Amino acid sequence: MRFLLDPEQREFAASLDSMLTAADTPSVVRDWSRGDHDSGLALWSRIAEAGVFALAVPEAYEGLGPRPAELVVAFVELGRHAVPGPLVETVTAATLLTALDDTGPAKLLLPALASGESVATVTTGSYAPDADVADVRLAISGAGERGLVARFPAPLKGFRPVDPARRLFPLPAGGQRLATGPQVATATERALTTARLTTAAQALGVGLALLDKTVSYVRQRTQFGVPIGSFQAVKHQLADVKIALEFARPLLFGAALTMTREDVAAAKVTACEAAYRAARTALQLHGAIGYTAEYDLSLWLTKARALRTAWGSPDACRATVLSGGRRW
């Protein structure tokens, strides 16, 4: 089956690509990783103006969605340009709030998320990404009749994991209860589906960028008087990366159409593994320069590694597929 973007979706992708190219995202990422969020928040506002976050918010709350296919289009471009910030977490929080039976928090928080006035993070574990910059911080705990969604206060100190532009913060004590009861389980499932779908789209964009950068590099780097891109072994490696990425693309858009847990999990593991393959190939073919943090390639290498396990490891996603979506 072929999944082709319609003219409106292609124009949307092209406009995001043009805007993000002009924004010089590598410098924005480096600022963000140092804790300087000014340039990143300025870019965040422009992304919101383009309607990206509104795609996850229903029209009843001043949004445009939910429109998962368009979210995939947008997040592929965000990944291609390595845009920093809790992008996935913001649309995940929007899905969570929308799915809760109690519309009080939704009415209060969703319009600001759609417009970009608010930044959100959400977690189901002990750590929340970019909680220092988010003003909407949600934690999900429990299941079934005891499910709970709470808004927690700003944490004091975090640490940088693999991706320097994705700082993690431990959950502080205290918080404001937003919702409780069995409806939390259903809302959590929908939110996790959105999280995995947009993570997969972001990973596909990262992989495509790594492939483009590596192809350009092997055309310029020479050994024995010829470009290394002319070597058969190099061609085979890049062809394998291209095939993996192109195989992930229809799974991703197919999952956006069905929005079932099984399809989204399959798309997530396939796209993230393809991006990880692209990262390993890029690192090998760039040689020693690929290991340096000063070289912009590292921004995509570390993001590919971080996305691989974000919102579900490869093993967890495979388990979801094999179990028919009965567990995460």
C-alpha atoms as a PDB file:
ATOM      1  CA  MET A   1       0.000   0.000   0.000  1.00  0.00           C
ATOM      2  CA  ARG A   2       1.261   3.485  -0.859  1.00  0.00           C
ATOM      3  CA  PHE A   3       0.755   6.458   1.421  1.00  0.00           C
ATOM      4  CA  LEU A   4       1.128   9.748  -0.428  1.00  0.00           C
ATOM      5  CA  LEU A   5       0.720  13.184   1.082  1.00  0.00           C
ATOM      6  CA  ASP A   6      -1.961  15.369  -0.438  1.00  0.00           C
ATOM      7  CA  PRO A   7      -1.008  18.819  -1.782  1.00  0.00           C
ATOM      8  CA  GLU A   8      -2.004  20.559   1.457  1.00  0.00           C
ATOM      9  CA  GLN A   9       0.135  18.213   3.557  1.00  0.00           C
ATOM     10  CA  ARG A  10       3.108  18.615   1.216  1.00  0.00           C
ATOM     11  CA  GLU A  11       2.784  22.386   1.411  1.00  0.00           C
ATOM     12  CA  PHE A  12       2.599  22.168   5.206  1.00  0.00           C
ATOM     13  CA  ALA A  13       5.783  20.093   5.330  1.00  0.00           C
ATOM     14  CA  ALA A  14       7.575  22.446   2.932  1.00  0.00           C
ATOM     15  CA  SER A  15       6.606  25.515   4.955  1.00  0.00           C
ATOM     16  CA  LEU A  16       7.884  23.939   8.183  1.00  0.00           C
ATOM     17  CA  ASP A  17      11.103  22.883   6.470  1.00  0.00           C
ATOM     18  CA  SER A  18      11.668  26.409   5.171  1.00  0.00           C
ATOM     19  CA  MET A  19      10.962  27.998   8.556  1.00  0.00           C
ATOM     20  CA  LEU A  20      13.182  25.611  10.487  1.00  0.00           C
ATOM     21  CA  THR A  21      16.025  25.898   7.987  1.00  0.00           C
ATOM     22  CA  ALA A  22      16.016  29.664   8.419  1.00  0.00           C
ATOM     23  CA  ALA A  23      15.932  29.286  12.222  1.00  0.00           C
ATOM     24  CA  ASP A  24      19.433  27.723  12.393  1.00  0.00           C
ATOM     25  CA  THR A  25      18.255  24.953  14.713  1.00  0.00           C
ATOM     26  CA  PRO A  26      21.764  23.646  15.601  1.00  0.00           C
ATOM     27  CA  SER A  27      22.488  26.892  17.441  1.00  0.00           C
ATOM     28  CA  VAL A  28      19.067  26.715  19.110  1.00  0.00           C
ATOM     29  CA  VAL A  29      19.793  23.150  20.257  1.00  0.00           C
ATOM     30  CA  ARG A  30      23.148  24.172  21.728  1.00  0.00           C
ATOM     31  CA  ASP A  31      21.529  27.060  23.602  1.00  0.00           C
ATOM     32  CA  TRP A  32      18.837  24.754  24.944  1.00  0.00           C
ATOM     33  CA  SER A  33      21.363  22.177  26.140  1.00  0.00           C
ATOM     34  CA  ARG A  34      23.132  24.922  28.141  1.00  0.00           C
ATOM     35  CA  GLY A  35      19.868  25.887  29.842  1.00  0.00           C
ATOM     36  CA  ASP A  36      19.358  29.021  27.736  1.00  0.00           C
ATOM     37  CA  HIS A  37      15.771  28.631  26.486  1.00  0.00           C
ATOM     38  CA  ASP A  38      15.183  32.049  24.914  1.00  0.00           C
ATOM     39  CA  SER A  39      15.913  31.091  21.303  1.00  0.00           C
ATOM     40  CA  GLY A  40      14.150  27.764  21.747  1.00  0.00           C
ATOM     41  CA  LEU A  41      10.988  29.364  23.113  1.00  0.00           C
ATOM     42  CA  ALA A  42      11.020  31.905  20.294  1.00  0.00           C
ATOM     43  CA  LEU A  43      11.134  29.014  17.832  1.00  0.00           C
ATOM     44  CA  TRP A  44       8.437  27.246  19.865  1.00  0.00           C
ATOM     45  CA  SER A  45       6.113  30.217  19.307  1.00  0.00           C
ATOM     46  CA  ARG A  46       6.725  30.103  15.560  1.00  0.00           C
ATOM     47  CA  ILE A  47       6.015  26.370  15.484  1.00  0.00           C
ATOM     48  CA  ALA A  48       2.786  27.004  17.386  1.00  0.00           C
ATOM     49  CA  GLU A  49       1.827  29.764  14.955  1.00  0.00           C
ATOM     50  CA  ALA A  50       2.211  27.220  12.160  1.00  0.00           C
ATOM     51  CA  GLY A  51      -0.504  25.179  13.916  1.00  0.00           C
ATOM     52  CA  VAL A  52       1.577  22.185  15.001  1.00  0.00           C
ATOM     53  CA  PHE A  53       0.356  21.930  18.604  1.00  0.00           C
ATOM     54  CA  ALA A  54      -3.204  22.793  17.621  1.00  0.00           C
ATOM     55  CA  LEU A  55      -3.273  19.577  15.578  1.00  0.00           C
ATOM     56  CA  ALA A  56      -3.506  17.624  18.847  1.00  0.00           C
ATOM     57  CA  VAL A  57      -6.221  19.829  20.378  1.00  0.00           C
ATOM     58  CA  PRO A  58      -9.928  19.523  19.433  1.00  0.00           C
ATOM     59  CA  GLU A  59     -11.727  22.481  17.910  1.00  0.00           C
ATOM     60  CA  ALA A  60     -13.829  22.780  21.074  1.00  0.00           C
ATOM     61  CA  TYR A  61     -10.671  23.908  22.858  1.00  0.00           C
ATOM     62  CA  GLU A  62      -9.429  26.275  20.133  1.00  0.00           C
ATOM     63  CA  GLY A  63      -7.445  23.634  18.278  1.00  0.00           C
ATOM     64  CA  LEU A  64      -7.534  22.049  14.824  1.00  0.00           C
ATOM     65  CA  GLY A  65      -7.576  18.370  15.685  1.00  0.00           C
ATOM     66  CA  PRO A  66      -7.123  15.726  16.488  1.00  0.00           C
ATOM     67  CA  ARG A  67      -5.335  15.183  13.171  1.00  0.00           C
ATOM     68  CA  PRO A  68      -2.733  12.421  13.637  1.00  0.00           C
ATOM     69  CA  ALA A  69      -1.642  12.260   9.992  1.00  0.00           C
ATOM     70  CA  GLU A  70      -0.786  15.962   9.974  1.00  0.00           C
ATOM     71  CA  LEU A  71       0.963  15.528  13.336  1.00  0.00           C
ATOM     72  CA  VAL A  72       3.176  12.901  11.709  1.00  0.00           C
ATOM     73  CA  VAL A  73       3.965  15.276   8.831  1.00  0.00           C
ATOM     74  CA  ALA A  74       4.939  17.986  11.303  1.00  0.00           C
ATOM     75  CA  PHE A  75       7.023  15.794  13.601  1.00  0.00           C
ATOM     76  CA  VAL A  76       9.004  14.332  10.720  1.00  0.00           C
ATOM     77  CA  GLU A  77      10.123  17.880   9.928  1.00  0.00           C
ATOM     78  CA  LEU A  78      10.782  18.683  13.601  1.00  0.00           C
ATOM     79  CA  GLY A  79      12.978  15.594  13.792  1.00  0.00           C
ATOM     80  CA  ARG A  80      14.700  16.387  10.517  1.00  0.00           C
ATOM     81  CA  HIS A  81      15.817  19.698  12.013  1.00  0.00           C
ATOM     82  CA  ALA A  82      16.487  18.325  15.538  1.00  0.00           C
ATOM     83  CA  VAL A  83      14.210  20.902  17.174  1.00  0.00           C
ATOM     84  CA  PRO A  84      14.693  20.805  20.979  1.00  0.00           C
ATOM     85  CA  GLY A  85      12.067  20.900  23.707  1.00  0.00           C
ATOM     86  CA  PRO A  86       9.214  18.713  24.993  1.00  0.00           C
ATOM     87  CA  LEU A  87       7.446  18.569  21.645  1.00  0.00           C
ATOM     88  CA  VAL A  88       6.178  15.018  22.039  1.00  0.00           C
ATOM     89  CA  GLU A  89       5.250  15.635  25.657  1.00  0.00           C
ATOM     90  CA  THR A  90       3.173  18.710  24.801  1.00  0.00           C
ATOM     91  CA  VAL A  91       0.976  16.908  22.259  1.00  0.00           C
ATOM     92  CA  THR A  92       0.817  13.920  24.614  1.00  0.00           C
ATOM     93  CA  ALA A  93      -0.423  16.153  27.419  1.00  0.00           C
ATOM     94  CA  ALA A  94      -3.018  17.609  25.046  1.00  0.00           C
ATOM     95  CA  THR A  95      -4.264  14.118  24.171  1.00  0.00           C
ATOM     96  CA  LEU A  96      -4.379  13.149  27.844  1.00  0.00           C
ATOM     97  CA  LEU A  97      -6.382  16.206  28.871  1.00  0.00           C
ATOM     98  CA  THR A  98      -8.775  15.778  25.951  1.00  0.00           C
ATOM     99  CA  ALA A  99      -9.457  12.149  26.844  1.00  0.00           C
ATOM    100  CA  LEU A 100     -10.270  12.794  30.503  1.00  0.00           C
ATOM    101  CA  ASP A 101     -13.986  12.770  31.282  1.00  0.00           C
ATOM    102  CA  ASP A 102     -13.634  15.806  33.517  1.00  0.00           C
ATOM    103  CA  THR A 103     -13.332  18.756  31.115  1.00  0.00           C
ATOM    104  CA  GLY A 104     -12.318  21.261  33.770  1.00  0.00           C
ATOM    105  CA  PRO A 105      -8.546  20.846  33.294  1.00  0.00           C
ATOM    106  CA  ALA A 106      -9.045  20.618  29.538  1.00  0.00           C
ATOM    107  CA  LYS A 107     -10.882  23.947  29.367  1.00  0.00           C
ATOM    108  CA  LEU A 108      -8.234  25.534  31.532  1.00  0.00           C
ATOM    109  CA  LEU A 109      -5.084  24.204  29.856  1.00  0.00           C
ATOM    110  CA  LEU A 110      -5.750  23.127  26.271  1.00  0.00           C
ATOM    111  CA  PRO A 111      -6.236  26.548  24.597  1.00  0.00           C
ATOM    112  CA  ALA A 112      -2.838  27.713  25.870  1.00  0.00           C
ATOM    113  CA  LEU A 113      -1.179  24.507  24.673  1.00  0.00           C
ATOM    114  CA  ALA A 114      -2.726  24.886  21.231  1.00  0.00           C
ATOM    115  CA  SER A 115      -1.538  28.493  20.893  1.00  0.00           C
ATOM    116  CA  GLY A 116       1.961  27.815  22.193  1.00  0.00           C
ATOM    117  CA  GLU A 117       1.516  30.074  25.210  1.00  0.00           C
ATOM    118  CA  SER A 118       2.112  27.057  27.440  1.00  0.00           C
ATOM    119  CA  VAL A 119       4.735  24.306  27.244  1.00  0.00           C
ATOM    120  CA  ALA A 120       3.901  20.897  28.709  1.00  0.00           C
ATOM    121  CA  THR A 121       5.712  17.856  29.953  1.00  0.00           C
ATOM    122  CA  VAL A 122       4.149  14.589  31.047  1.00  0.00           C
ATOM    123  CA  THR A 123       5.536  11.416  32.555  1.00  0.00           C
ATOM    124  CA  THR A 124       4.425   7.968  33.666  1.00  0.00           C
ATOM    125  CA  GLY A 125       7.639   7.340  35.577  1.00  0.00           C
ATOM    126  CA  SER A 126       9.987   9.040  38.018  1.00  0.00           C
ATOM    127  CA  TYR A 127      11.491  11.599  35.641  1.00  0.00           C
ATOM    128  CA  ALA A 128       9.995  14.257  33.370  1.00  0.00           C
ATOM    129  CA  PRO A 129      11.847  15.777  30.398  1.00  0.00           C
ATOM    130  CA  ASP A 130      12.347  19.553  30.214  1.00  0.00           C
ATOM    131  CA  ALA A 131      10.274  20.148  33.352  1.00  0.00           C
ATOM    132  CA  ASP A 132      12.251  23.324  34.045  1.00  0.00           C
ATOM    133  CA  VAL A 133      10.821  25.094  31.003  1.00  0.00           C
ATOM    134  CA  ALA A 134       7.311  23.588  31.084  1.00  0.00           C
ATOM    135  CA  ASP A 135       4.535  25.403  32.920  1.00  0.00           C
ATOM    136  CA  VAL A 136       2.120  22.456  32.518  1.00  0.00           C
ATOM    137  CA  ARG A 137       3.705  19.463  34.260  1.00  0.00           C
ATOM    138  CA  LEU A 138       1.599  16.295  34.449  1.00  0.00           C
ATOM    139  CA  ALA A 139       2.307  12.964  36.131  1.00  0.00           C
ATOM    140  CA  ILE A 140       0.279   9.793  35.546  1.00  0.00           C
ATOM    141  CA  SER A 141       0.269   7.052  38.163  1.00  0.00           C
ATOM    142  CA  GLY A 142      -1.753   3.977  38.965  1.00  0.00           C
ATOM    143  CA  ALA A 143      -4.236   2.096  36.791  1.00  0.00           C
ATOM    144  CA  GLY A 144      -7.839   0.953  36.789  1.00  0.00           C
ATOM    145  CA  GLU A 145      -9.992   2.388  39.549  1.00  0.00           C
ATOM    146  CA  ARG A 146      -6.991   4.057  41.210  1.00  0.00           C
ATOM    147  CA  GLY A 147      -5.585   5.927  38.221  1.00  0.00           C
ATOM    148  CA  LEU A 148      -4.398   9.447  38.962  1.00  0.00           C
ATOM    149  CA  VAL A 149      -3.335  12.465  36.925  1.00  0.00           C
ATOM    150  CA  ALA A 150      -1.665  15.224  38.911  1.00  0.00           C
ATOM    151  CA  ARG A 151      -0.024  18.522  38.120  1.00  0.00           C
ATOM    152  CA  PHE A 152       3.307  18.689  39.929  1.00  0.00           C
ATOM    153  CA  PRO A 153       5.365  21.750  40.964  1.00  0.00           C
ATOM    154  CA  ALA A 154       8.543  22.900  39.247  1.00  0.00           C
ATOM    155  CA  PRO A 155      11.526  20.683  40.114  1.00  0.00           C
ATOM    156  CA  LEU A 156      14.785  22.209  41.296  1.00  0.00           C
ATOM    157  CA  LYS A 157      17.539  20.245  39.565  1.00  0.00           C
ATOM    158  CA  GLY A 158      17.853  17.911  36.617  1.00  0.00           C
ATOM    159  CA  PHE A 159      20.503  16.079  34.649  1.00  0.00           C
ATOM    160  CA  ARG A 160      21.403  15.532  31.019  1.00  0.00           C
ATOM    161  CA  PRO A 161      21.023  12.000  29.612  1.00  0.00           C
ATOM    162  CA  VAL A 162      22.240  10.876  26.164  1.00  0.00           C
ATOM    163  CA  ASP A 163      20.628  13.780  24.313  1.00  0.00           C
ATOM    164  CA  PRO A 164      22.055  17.016  25.790  1.00  0.00           C
ATOM    165  CA  ALA A 165      18.953  18.917  24.650  1.00  0.00           C
ATOM    166  CA  ARG A 166      16.652  16.645  26.669  1.00  0.00           C
ATOM    167  CA  ARG A 167      17.213  17.324  30.371  1.00  0.00           C
ATOM    168  CA  LEU A 168      15.424  15.006  32.818  1.00  0.00           C
ATOM    169  CA  PHE A 169      14.029  16.101  36.185  1.00  0.00           C
ATOM    170  CA  PRO A 170      12.968  13.914  39.123  1.00  0.00           C
ATOM    171  CA  LEU A 171       9.381  14.342  40.233  1.00  0.00           C
ATOM    172  CA  PRO A 172       9.170  16.586  43.326  1.00  0.00           C
ATOM    173  CA  ALA A 173       6.872  15.929  46.232  1.00  0.00           C
ATOM    174  CA  GLY A 174       3.380  17.402  46.239  1.00  0.00           C
ATOM    175  CA  GLY A 175       1.093  18.332  43.396  1.00  0.00           C
ATOM    176  CA  GLN A 176      -2.450  19.171  42.406  1.00  0.00           C
ATOM    177  CA  ARG A 177      -4.801  16.292  41.598  1.00  0.00           C
ATOM    178  CA  LEU A 178      -6.515  16.853  38.233  1.00  0.00           C
ATOM    179  CA  ALA A 179      -8.319  13.567  37.670  1.00  0.00           C
ATOM    180  CA  THR A 180      -8.705  10.182  39.290  1.00  0.00           C
ATOM    181  CA  GLY A 181     -10.609   6.982  38.671  1.00  0.00           C
ATOM    182  CA  PRO A 182     -11.040   4.492  35.821  1.00  0.00           C
ATOM    183  CA  GLN A 183     -11.199   7.171  33.127  1.00  0.00           C
ATOM    184  CA  VAL A 184      -7.496   7.790  33.712  1.00  0.00           C
ATOM    185  CA  ALA A 185      -6.610   4.377  32.251  1.00  0.00           C
ATOM    186  CA  THR A 186      -8.416   5.118  28.969  1.00  0.00           C
ATOM    187  CA  ALA A 187      -6.918   8.600  28.765  1.00  0.00           C
ATOM    188  CA  THR A 188      -3.453   7.210  29.448  1.00  0.00           C
ATOM    189  CA  GLU A 189      -3.743   4.666  26.641  1.00  0.00           C
ATOM    190  CA  ARG A 190      -4.684   7.379  24.160  1.00  0.00           C
ATOM    191  CA  ALA A 191      -1.904   9.643  25.382  1.00  0.00           C
ATOM    192  CA  LEU A 192       0.708   6.897  25.109  1.00  0.00           C
ATOM    193  CA  THR A 193      -0.457   6.130  21.575  1.00  0.00           C
ATOM    194  CA  THR A 194       0.080   9.770  20.607  1.00  0.00           C
ATOM    195  CA  ALA A 195       3.465   9.810  22.353  1.00  0.00           C
ATOM    196  CA  ARG A 196       4.704   6.772  20.460  1.00  0.00           C
ATOM    197  CA  LEU A 197       3.341   7.968  17.129  1.00  0.00           C
ATOM    198  CA  THR A 198       4.992  11.392  17.339  1.00  0.00           C
ATOM    199  CA  THR A 199       8.226   9.909  18.697  1.00  0.00           C
ATOM    200  CA  ALA A 200       8.307   7.579  15.703  1.00  0.00           C
ATOM    201  CA  ALA A 201       7.707  10.486  13.319  1.00  0.00           C
ATOM    202  CA  GLN A 202      10.455  12.510  14.970  1.00  0.00           C
ATOM    203  CA  ALA A 203      12.829   9.530  14.703  1.00  0.00           C
ATOM    204  CA  LEU A 204      12.060   9.112  11.010  1.00  0.00           C
ATOM    205  CA  GLY A 205      12.931  12.766  10.440  1.00  0.00           C
ATOM    206  CA  VAL A 206      16.189  12.340  12.371  1.00  0.00           C
ATOM    207  CA  GLY A 207      17.081   9.304  10.277  1.00  0.00           C
ATOM    208  CA  LEU A 208      16.344  11.104   7.017  1.00  0.00           C
ATOM    209  CA  ALA A 209      18.539  14.030   8.078  1.00  0.00           C
ATOM    210  CA  LEU A 210      21.391  11.690   9.039  1.00  0.00           C
ATOM    211  CA  LEU A 211      21.172   9.936   5.688  1.00  0.00           C
ATOM    212  CA  ASP A 212      21.218  13.248   3.769  1.00  0.00           C
ATOM    213  CA  LYS A 213      24.184  14.538   5.769  1.00  0.00           C
ATOM    214  CA  THR A 214      26.130  11.305   5.301  1.00  0.00           C
ATOM    215  CA  VAL A 215      25.487  11.125   1.564  1.00  0.00           C
ATOM    216  CA  SER A 216      26.714  14.701   1.222  1.00  0.00           C
ATOM    217  CA  TYR A 217      29.808  13.943   3.304  1.00  0.00           C
ATOM    218  CA  VAL A 218      30.892  10.801   1.428  1.00  0.00           C
ATOM    219  CA  ARG A 219      30.679  12.727  -1.828  1.00  0.00           C
ATOM    220  CA  GLN A 220      33.230  15.218  -0.495  1.00  0.00           C
ATOM    221  CA  ARG A 221      35.607  13.063   1.556  1.00  0.00           C
ATOM    222  CA  THR A 222      38.276  11.370  -0.544  1.00  0.00           C
ATOM    223  CA  GLN A 223      40.591   8.415  -0.109  1.00  0.00           C
ATOM    224  CA  PHE A 224      43.095   7.192  -2.698  1.00  0.00           C
ATOM    225  CA  GLY A 225      42.158  10.207  -4.792  1.00  0.00           C
ATOM    226  CA  VAL A 226      38.435   9.387  -5.143  1.00  0.00           C
ATOM    227  CA  PRO A 227      35.306  10.158  -3.073  1.00  0.00           C
ATOM    228  CA  ILE A 228      34.598   7.408  -0.552  1.00  0.00           C
ATOM    229  CA  GLY A 229      31.018   7.465  -1.759  1.00  0.00           C
ATOM    230  CA  SER A 230      32.197   5.660  -4.877  1.00  0.00           C
ATOM    231  CA  PHE A 231      33.228   2.594  -2.846  1.00  0.00           C
ATOM    232  CA  GLN A 232      30.831  -0.317  -3.170  1.00  0.00           C
ATOM    233  CA  ALA A 233      30.836  -1.057   0.568  1.00  0.00           C
ATOM    234  CA  VAL A 234      29.809   2.521   1.356  1.00  0.00           C
ATOM    235  CA  LYS A 235      27.033   2.399  -1.213  1.00  0.00           C
ATOM    236  CA  HIS A 236      25.686  -0.809   0.333  1.00  0.00           C
ATOM    237  CA  GLN A 237      25.638   0.682   3.830  1.00  0.00           C
ATOM    238  CA  LEU A 238      23.761   3.759   2.676  1.00  0.00           C
ATOM    239  CA  ALA A 239      21.354   1.677   0.618  1.00  0.00           C
ATOM    240  CA  ASP A 240      20.520  -0.392   3.711  1.00  0.00           C
ATOM    241  CA  VAL A 241      19.776   2.798   5.649  1.00  0.00           C
ATOM    242  CA  LYS A 242      17.596   4.130   2.839  1.00  0.00           C
ATOM    243  CA  ILE A 243      15.616   0.891   2.651  1.00  0.00           C
ATOM    244  CA  ALA A 244      15.060   0.830   6.418  1.00  0.00           C
ATOM    245  CA  LEU A 245      13.786   4.410   6.451  1.00  0.00           C
ATOM    246  CA  GLU A 246      11.533   3.913   3.446  1.00  0.00           C
ATOM    247  CA  PHE A 247      10.115   0.747   5.012  1.00  0.00           C
ATOM    248  CA  ALA A 248       9.269   2.696   8.174  1.00  0.00           C
ATOM    249  CA  ARG A 249       7.443   5.494   6.350  1.00  0.00           C
ATOM    250  CA  PRO A 250       4.273   3.583   5.273  1.00  0.00           C
ATOM    251  CA  LEU A 251       4.055   1.889   8.679  1.00  0.00           C
ATOM    252  CA  LEU A 252       4.109   5.306  10.293  1.00  0.00           C
ATOM    253  CA  PHE A 253       1.401   6.848   8.124  1.00  0.00           C
ATOM    254  CA  GLY A 254      -0.646   3.664   8.290  1.00  0.00           C
ATOM    255  CA  ALA A 255      -0.515   3.850  12.080  1.00  0.00           C
ATOM    256  CA  ALA A 256      -1.647   7.485  11.935  1.00  0.00           C
ATOM    257  CA  LEU A 257      -4.744   6.359  10.048  1.00  0.00           C
ATOM    258  CA  THR A 258      -5.682   3.486  12.371  1.00  0.00           C
ATOM    259  CA  MET A 259      -4.306   4.834  15.696  1.00  0.00           C
ATOM    260  CA  THR A 260      -4.343   1.337  17.179  1.00  0.00           C
ATOM    261  CA  ARG A 261      -1.776   0.508  19.839  1.00  0.00           C
ATOM    262  CA  GLU A 262      -0.406  -2.403  17.835  1.00  0.00           C
ATOM    263  CA  ASP A 263       0.115  -0.400  14.636  1.00  0.00           C
ATOM    264  CA  VAL A 264       1.638   2.545  16.479  1.00  0.00           C
ATOM    265  CA  ALA A 265       3.998   0.267  18.419  1.00  0.00           C
ATOM    266  CA  ALA A 266       5.107  -1.411  15.181  1.00  0.00           C
ATOM    267  CA  ALA A 267       5.709   1.971  13.569  1.00  0.00           C
ATOM    268  CA  LYS A 268       7.613   3.201  16.611  1.00  0.00           C
ATOM    269  CA  VAL A 269      10.041   0.304  16.787  1.00  0.00           C
ATOM    270  CA  THR A 270      10.569   0.277  13.007  1.00  0.00           C
ATOM    271  CA  ALA A 271      11.171   4.020  12.667  1.00  0.00           C
ATOM    272  CA  CYS A 272      13.412   4.249  15.736  1.00  0.00           C
ATOM    273  CA  GLU A 273      15.491   1.242  14.713  1.00  0.00           C
ATOM    274  CA  ALA A 274      15.873   2.704  11.213  1.00  0.00           C
ATOM    275  CA  ALA A 275      17.016   6.021  12.688  1.00  0.00           C
ATOM    276  CA  TYR A 276      19.434   4.201  14.978  1.00  0.00           C
ATOM    277  CA  ARG A 277      20.873   2.333  11.990  1.00  0.00           C
ATOM    278  CA  ALA A 278      21.241   5.659  10.177  1.00  0.00           C
ATOM    279  CA  ALA A 279      23.081   7.076  13.214  1.00  0.00           C
ATOM    280  CA  ARG A 280      25.522   4.172  13.439  1.00  0.00           C
ATOM    281  CA  THR A 281      26.215   4.313   9.708  1.00  0.00           C
ATOM    282  CA  ALA A 282      26.675   8.078   9.792  1.00  0.00           C
ATOM    283  CA  LEU A 283      29.110   7.800  12.680  1.00  0.00           C
ATOM    284  CA  GLN A 284      31.170   5.136  10.929  1.00  0.00           C
ATOM    285  CA  LEU A 285      31.322   6.892   7.570  1.00  0.00           C
ATOM    286  CA  HIS A 286      32.175  10.287   9.059  1.00  0.00           C
ATOM    287  CA  GLY A 287      35.149   8.804  10.865  1.00  0.00           C
ATOM    288  CA  ALA A 288      36.732  10.548  13.833  1.00  0.00           C
ATOM    289  CA  ILE A 289      34.954  13.866  13.198  1.00  0.00           C
ATOM    290  CA  GLY A 290      31.632  12.162  13.890  1.00  0.00           C
ATOM    291  CA  TYR A 291      32.627  11.642  17.525  1.00  0.00           C
ATOM    292  CA  THR A 292      33.178  15.322  18.279  1.00  0.00           C
ATOM    293  CA  ALA A 293      30.440  17.205  20.135  1.00  0.00           C
ATOM    294  CA  GLU A 294      31.385  20.402  18.292  1.00  0.00           C
ATOM    295  CA  TYR A 295      30.380  18.879  14.963  1.00  0.00           C
ATOM    296  CA  ASP A 296      26.653  19.386  14.280  1.00  0.00           C
ATOM    297  CA  LEU A 297      26.176  15.739  13.316  1.00  0.00           C
ATOM    298  CA  SER A 298      26.318  14.872  17.029  1.00  0.00           C
ATOM    299  CA  LEU A 299      23.007  16.671  17.615  1.00  0.00           C
ATOM    300  CA  TRP A 300      21.216  14.144  15.422  1.00  0.00           C
ATOM    301  CA  LEU A 301      23.268  11.160  16.598  1.00  0.00           C
ATOM    302  CA  THR A 302      22.349  11.671  20.243  1.00  0.00           C
ATOM    303  CA  LYS A 303      18.711  12.372  19.421  1.00  0.00           C
ATOM    304  CA  ALA A 304      18.417   9.117  17.462  1.00  0.00           C
ATOM    305  CA  ARG A 305      19.736   7.226  20.472  1.00  0.00           C
ATOM    306  CA  ALA A 306      17.416   9.006  22.927  1.00  0.00           C
ATOM    307  CA  LEU A 307      14.288   8.533  20.799  1.00  0.00           C
ATOM    308  CA  ARG A 308      14.964   4.813  20.464  1.00  0.00           C
ATOM    309  CA  THR A 309      13.918   4.213  24.070  1.00  0.00           C
ATOM    310  CA  ALA A 310      11.660   7.217  24.692  1.00  0.00           C
ATOM    311  CA  TRP A 311       8.036   6.245  25.392  1.00  0.00           C
ATOM    312  CA  GLY A 312       8.753   2.553  24.987  1.00  0.00           C
ATOM    313  CA  SER A 313      11.911   0.554  24.304  1.00  0.00           C
ATOM    314  CA  PRO A 314      12.130  -1.655  21.195  1.00  0.00           C
ATOM    315  CA  ASP A 315      11.392  -4.706  23.363  1.00  0.00           C
ATOM    316  CA  ALA A 316       8.341  -3.028  24.913  1.00  0.00           C
ATOM    317  CA  CYS A 317       6.974  -2.056  21.499  1.00  0.00           C
ATOM    318  CA  ARG A 318       7.519  -5.567  20.137  1.00  0.00           C
ATOM    319  CA  ALA A 319       5.714  -6.983  23.162  1.00  0.00           C
ATOM    320  CA  THR A 320       2.745  -4.714  22.435  1.00  0.00           C
ATOM    321  CA  VAL A 321       2.587  -5.927  18.851  1.00  0.00           C
ATOM    322  CA  LEU A 322       2.898  -9.588  19.796  1.00  0.00           C
ATOM    323  CA  SER A 323       0.322  -9.344  22.566  1.00  0.00           C
ATOM    324  CA  GLY A 324      -2.236  -7.735  20.304  1.00  0.00           C
ATOM    325  CA  GLY A 325      -1.978  -4.431  22.149  1.00  0.00           C
ATOM    326  CA  ARG A 326      -3.061  -5.844  25.498  1.00  0.00           C
ATOM    327  CA  ARG A 327      -0.178  -4.282  27.436  1.00  0.00           C
ATOM    328  CA  TRP A 328       2.408  -1.494  27.071  1.00  0.00           C
END
